[in-house]
Amino acid sequence: MTITLKEAKGRYPQEWIAFRVEKEAKEVDDNRGHVLDHDRDRREVHRRLREKKVKEAYITFAGPLIRPGYAVMFLCDRS
């Protein structure tokens, strides 16, 4: 059974998800496929994918990357 990426994010909130897209859609979250792995630690997801010799996976985080109350600033070097 395939699920959408949006459904996968709902099942595994605040986790990194390795997803194999089977059917592409206009919106990324509407892509259908299978969850290959998931974990709160991104390094664990990558380690297990290497063990399984997975060559292609879409890896995303199911939640905000920046915690509420925090901000990010990017510096641009215009030299």
N, C-alpha and C. Protein backbone atom coordinates (compact mmCIF):
# COMPACT_ATOMS: atom_id res chain seq x y z
N MET A 1 0.83 -1.18 0.00
CA MET A 1 0.00 0.00 0.00
C MET A 1 0.88 1.25 0.00
N THR A 2 0.62 2.15 -0.90
CA THR A 2 1.37 3.40 -0.95
C THR A 2 0.62 4.46 -0.15
N ILE A 3 1.40 5.42 0.35
CA ILE A 3 0.82 6.55 1.07
C ILE A 3 1.43 7.83 0.51
N THR A 4 0.82 8.95 0.85
CA THR A 4 1.40 10.22 0.42
C THR A 4 2.48 10.63 1.40
N LEU A 5 3.36 11.50 0.95
CA LEU A 5 4.40 12.01 1.84
C LEU A 5 3.76 12.76 3.00
N LYS A 6 2.67 13.46 2.74
CA LYS A 6 1.96 14.18 3.80
C LYS A 6 1.47 13.20 4.88
N GLU A 7 0.93 12.05 4.47
CA GLU A 7 0.48 11.04 5.43
C GLU A 7 1.66 10.50 6.23
N ALA A 8 2.79 10.29 5.57
CA ALA A 8 3.98 9.79 6.26
C ALA A 8 4.45 10.78 7.32
N LYS A 9 4.42 12.07 6.97
CA LYS A 9 4.82 13.10 7.94
C LYS A 9 3.87 13.12 9.13
N GLY A 10 2.60 12.83 8.89
CA GLY A 10 1.63 12.76 9.98
C GLY A 10 1.86 11.57 10.89
N ARG A 11 2.33 10.48 10.34
CA ARG A 11 2.60 9.26 11.13
C ARG A 11 3.89 9.38 11.95
N TYR A 12 4.85 10.13 11.44
CA TYR A 12 6.16 10.22 12.09
C TYR A 12 6.54 11.68 12.34
N PRO A 13 5.76 12.39 13.17
CA PRO A 13 6.07 13.81 13.41
C PRO A 13 7.41 13.98 14.11
N GLN A 14 8.09 15.05 13.77
CA GLN A 14 9.39 15.39 14.36
C GLN A 14 10.44 14.31 14.12
N GLU A 15 10.32 13.58 13.01
CA GLU A 15 11.31 12.56 12.65
C GLU A 15 11.80 12.79 11.22
N TRP A 16 12.98 12.27 10.95
CA TRP A 16 13.52 12.24 9.59
C TRP A 16 12.91 11.03 8.89
N ILE A 17 12.49 11.22 7.65
CA ILE A 17 11.83 10.16 6.90
C ILE A 17 12.57 9.93 5.59
N ALA A 18 12.88 8.67 5.32
CA ALA A 18 13.42 8.27 4.01
C ALA A 18 12.23 7.69 3.24
N PHE A 19 11.94 8.29 2.09
CA PHE A 19 10.72 7.98 1.34
C PHE A 19 11.09 7.63 -0.09
N ARG A 20 10.52 6.54 -0.58
CA ARG A 20 10.70 6.18 -2.00
C ARG A 20 9.45 6.58 -2.76
N VAL A 21 9.61 7.52 -3.68
CA VAL A 21 8.48 8.02 -4.46
C VAL A 21 8.15 7.02 -5.57
N GLU A 22 6.89 6.60 -5.60
CA GLU A 22 6.41 5.68 -6.64
C GLU A 22 5.62 6.44 -7.70
N LYS A 23 4.92 7.48 -7.26
CA LYS A 23 4.11 8.26 -8.20
C LYS A 23 4.23 9.73 -7.84
N GLU A 24 4.78 10.52 -8.78
CA GLU A 24 4.98 11.95 -8.54
C GLU A 24 3.69 12.72 -8.74
N ALA A 25 3.56 13.80 -7.96
CA ALA A 25 2.41 14.70 -8.05
C ALA A 25 2.93 16.12 -8.23
N LYS A 26 2.01 17.05 -8.46
CA LYS A 26 2.40 18.46 -8.62
C LYS A 26 3.06 18.99 -7.35
N GLU A 27 2.46 18.72 -6.21
CA GLU A 27 2.98 19.16 -4.92
C GLU A 27 3.79 18.03 -4.29
N VAL A 28 4.94 18.35 -3.71
CA VAL A 28 5.83 17.34 -3.13
C VAL A 28 5.10 16.48 -2.09
N ASP A 29 4.33 17.12 -1.20
CA ASP A 29 3.65 16.37 -0.14
C ASP A 29 2.57 15.42 -0.68
N ASP A 30 2.17 15.60 -1.94
CA ASP A 30 1.17 14.72 -2.54
C ASP A 30 1.79 13.52 -3.26
N ASN A 31 3.13 13.47 -3.35
CA ASN A 31 3.79 12.31 -3.95
C ASN A 31 3.40 11.06 -3.18
N ARG A 32 3.22 9.95 -3.91
CA ARG A 32 2.85 8.68 -3.28
C ARG A 32 4.05 7.74 -3.32
N GLY A 33 4.18 6.93 -2.27
CA GLY A 33 5.28 5.98 -2.22
C GLY A 33 5.30 5.22 -0.91
N HIS A 34 6.53 4.84 -0.50
CA HIS A 34 6.72 4.00 0.69
C HIS A 34 7.76 4.62 1.61
N VAL A 35 7.52 4.50 2.91
CA VAL A 35 8.51 4.92 3.90
C VAL A 35 9.55 3.81 4.00
N LEU A 36 10.80 4.15 3.72
CA LEU A 36 11.89 3.18 3.80
C LEU A 36 12.46 3.11 5.20
N ASP A 37 12.47 4.25 5.91
CA ASP A 37 13.00 4.31 7.26
C ASP A 37 12.59 5.64 7.89
N HIS A 38 12.67 5.70 9.19
CA HIS A 38 12.38 6.95 9.91
C HIS A 38 13.04 6.90 11.28
N ASP A 39 13.45 8.05 11.78
CA ASP A 39 14.09 8.14 13.09
C ASP A 39 14.23 9.60 13.46
N ARG A 40 14.35 9.89 14.74
CA ARG A 40 14.60 11.26 15.18
C ARG A 40 16.01 11.70 14.86
N ASP A 41 16.91 10.74 14.70
CA ASP A 41 18.32 11.03 14.40
C ASP A 41 18.58 10.80 12.91
N ARG A 42 18.86 11.88 12.20
CA ARG A 42 19.10 11.81 10.75
C ARG A 42 20.25 10.86 10.43
N ARG A 43 21.27 10.85 11.27
CA ARG A 43 22.43 9.97 11.02
C ARG A 43 22.05 8.50 11.05
N GLU A 44 21.11 8.15 11.91
CA GLU A 44 20.65 6.75 11.98
C GLU A 44 19.92 6.35 10.70
N VAL A 45 19.11 7.25 10.18
CA VAL A 45 18.41 6.97 8.92
C VAL A 45 19.43 6.72 7.82
N HIS A 46 20.42 7.60 7.70
CA HIS A 46 21.45 7.44 6.67
C HIS A 46 22.25 6.14 6.87
N ARG A 47 22.59 5.84 8.11
CA ARG A 47 23.36 4.62 8.40
C ARG A 47 22.60 3.38 7.97
N ARG A 48 21.32 3.31 8.33
CA ARG A 48 20.52 2.13 7.97
C ARG A 48 20.28 2.04 6.47
N LEU A 49 20.12 3.18 5.80
CA LEU A 49 19.97 3.14 4.34
C LEU A 49 21.24 2.61 3.68
N ARG A 50 22.40 3.01 4.21
CA ARG A 50 23.67 2.47 3.67
C ARG A 50 23.74 0.96 3.90
N GLU A 51 23.34 0.50 5.09
CA GLU A 51 23.35 -0.94 5.38
C GLU A 51 22.46 -1.71 4.40
N LYS A 52 21.31 -1.13 4.08
CA LYS A 52 20.36 -1.77 3.16
C LYS A 52 20.74 -1.56 1.70
N LYS A 53 21.80 -0.76 1.47
CA LYS A 53 22.27 -0.43 0.13
C LYS A 53 21.19 0.24 -0.72
N VAL A 54 20.44 1.12 -0.08
CA VAL A 54 19.42 1.90 -0.78
C VAL A 54 20.13 2.97 -1.60
N LYS A 55 19.83 3.04 -2.87
CA LYS A 55 20.48 3.99 -3.78
C LYS A 55 19.69 5.28 -3.94
N GLU A 56 18.36 5.21 -3.89
CA GLU A 56 17.54 6.39 -4.11
C GLU A 56 16.48 6.51 -3.03
N ALA A 57 16.46 7.67 -2.37
CA ALA A 57 15.44 7.95 -1.36
C ALA A 57 15.33 9.46 -1.22
N TYR A 58 14.13 9.91 -0.97
CA TYR A 58 13.88 11.31 -0.67
C TYR A 58 13.88 11.41 0.85
N ILE A 59 14.78 12.20 1.40
CA ILE A 59 14.89 12.31 2.86
C ILE A 59 14.43 13.71 3.26
N THR A 60 13.50 13.74 4.22
CA THR A 60 12.92 15.01 4.66
C THR A 60 12.62 14.93 6.16
N PHE A 61 12.43 16.08 6.77
CA PHE A 61 12.09 16.15 8.18
C PHE A 61 10.61 16.49 8.31
N ALA A 62 9.90 15.76 9.18
CA ALA A 62 8.47 15.96 9.37
C ALA A 62 8.22 16.94 10.51
N GLY A 63 8.50 18.18 10.23
CA GLY A 63 8.28 19.22 11.24
C GLY A 63 9.17 20.40 10.93
N PRO A 64 9.08 21.43 11.73
CA PRO A 64 9.94 22.59 11.50
C PRO A 64 11.38 22.28 11.88
N LEU A 65 12.33 22.73 11.05
CA LEU A 65 13.74 22.51 11.35
C LEU A 65 14.24 23.45 12.45
N ILE A 66 13.59 24.59 12.56
CA ILE A 66 13.95 25.59 13.56
C ILE A 66 12.91 25.55 14.67
N ARG A 67 13.36 25.36 15.90
CA ARG A 67 12.44 25.30 17.02
C ARG A 67 11.72 26.63 17.22
N PRO A 68 10.45 26.56 17.65
CA PRO A 68 9.71 27.79 17.92
C PRO A 68 10.48 28.67 18.92
N GLY A 69 10.51 29.96 18.66
CA GLY A 69 11.23 30.88 19.53
C GLY A 69 12.64 31.17 19.06
N TYR A 70 13.13 30.40 18.08
CA TYR A 70 14.46 30.60 17.54
C TYR A 70 14.36 31.23 16.16
N ALA A 71 15.43 31.85 15.72
CA ALA A 71 15.47 32.45 14.39
C ALA A 71 16.80 32.08 13.74
N VAL A 72 16.84 32.16 12.44
CA VAL A 72 18.05 31.86 11.67
C VAL A 72 18.38 33.08 10.81
N MET A 73 19.67 33.40 10.74
CA MET A 73 20.10 34.51 9.91
C MET A 73 21.23 34.00 9.01
N PHE A 74 21.13 34.29 7.73
CA PHE A 74 22.15 33.89 6.78
C PHE A 74 22.93 35.13 6.35
N LEU A 75 24.25 35.02 6.36
CA LEU A 75 25.09 36.12 5.94
C LEU A 75 25.45 35.95 4.48
N CYS A 76 25.45 37.03 3.76
CA CYS A 76 25.83 37.02 2.35
C CYS A 76 27.13 37.79 2.17
N ASP A 77 28.07 37.18 1.51
CA ASP A 77 29.32 37.85 1.22
C ASP A 77 29.21 38.42 -0.19
N ARG A 78 29.19 39.72 -0.31
CA ARG A 78 29.00 40.36 -1.62
C ARG A 78 30.31 40.89 -2.16
N SER A 79 31.42 40.26 -1.82
CA SER A 79 32.72 40.76 -2.32
C SER A 79 33.05 40.19 -3.68
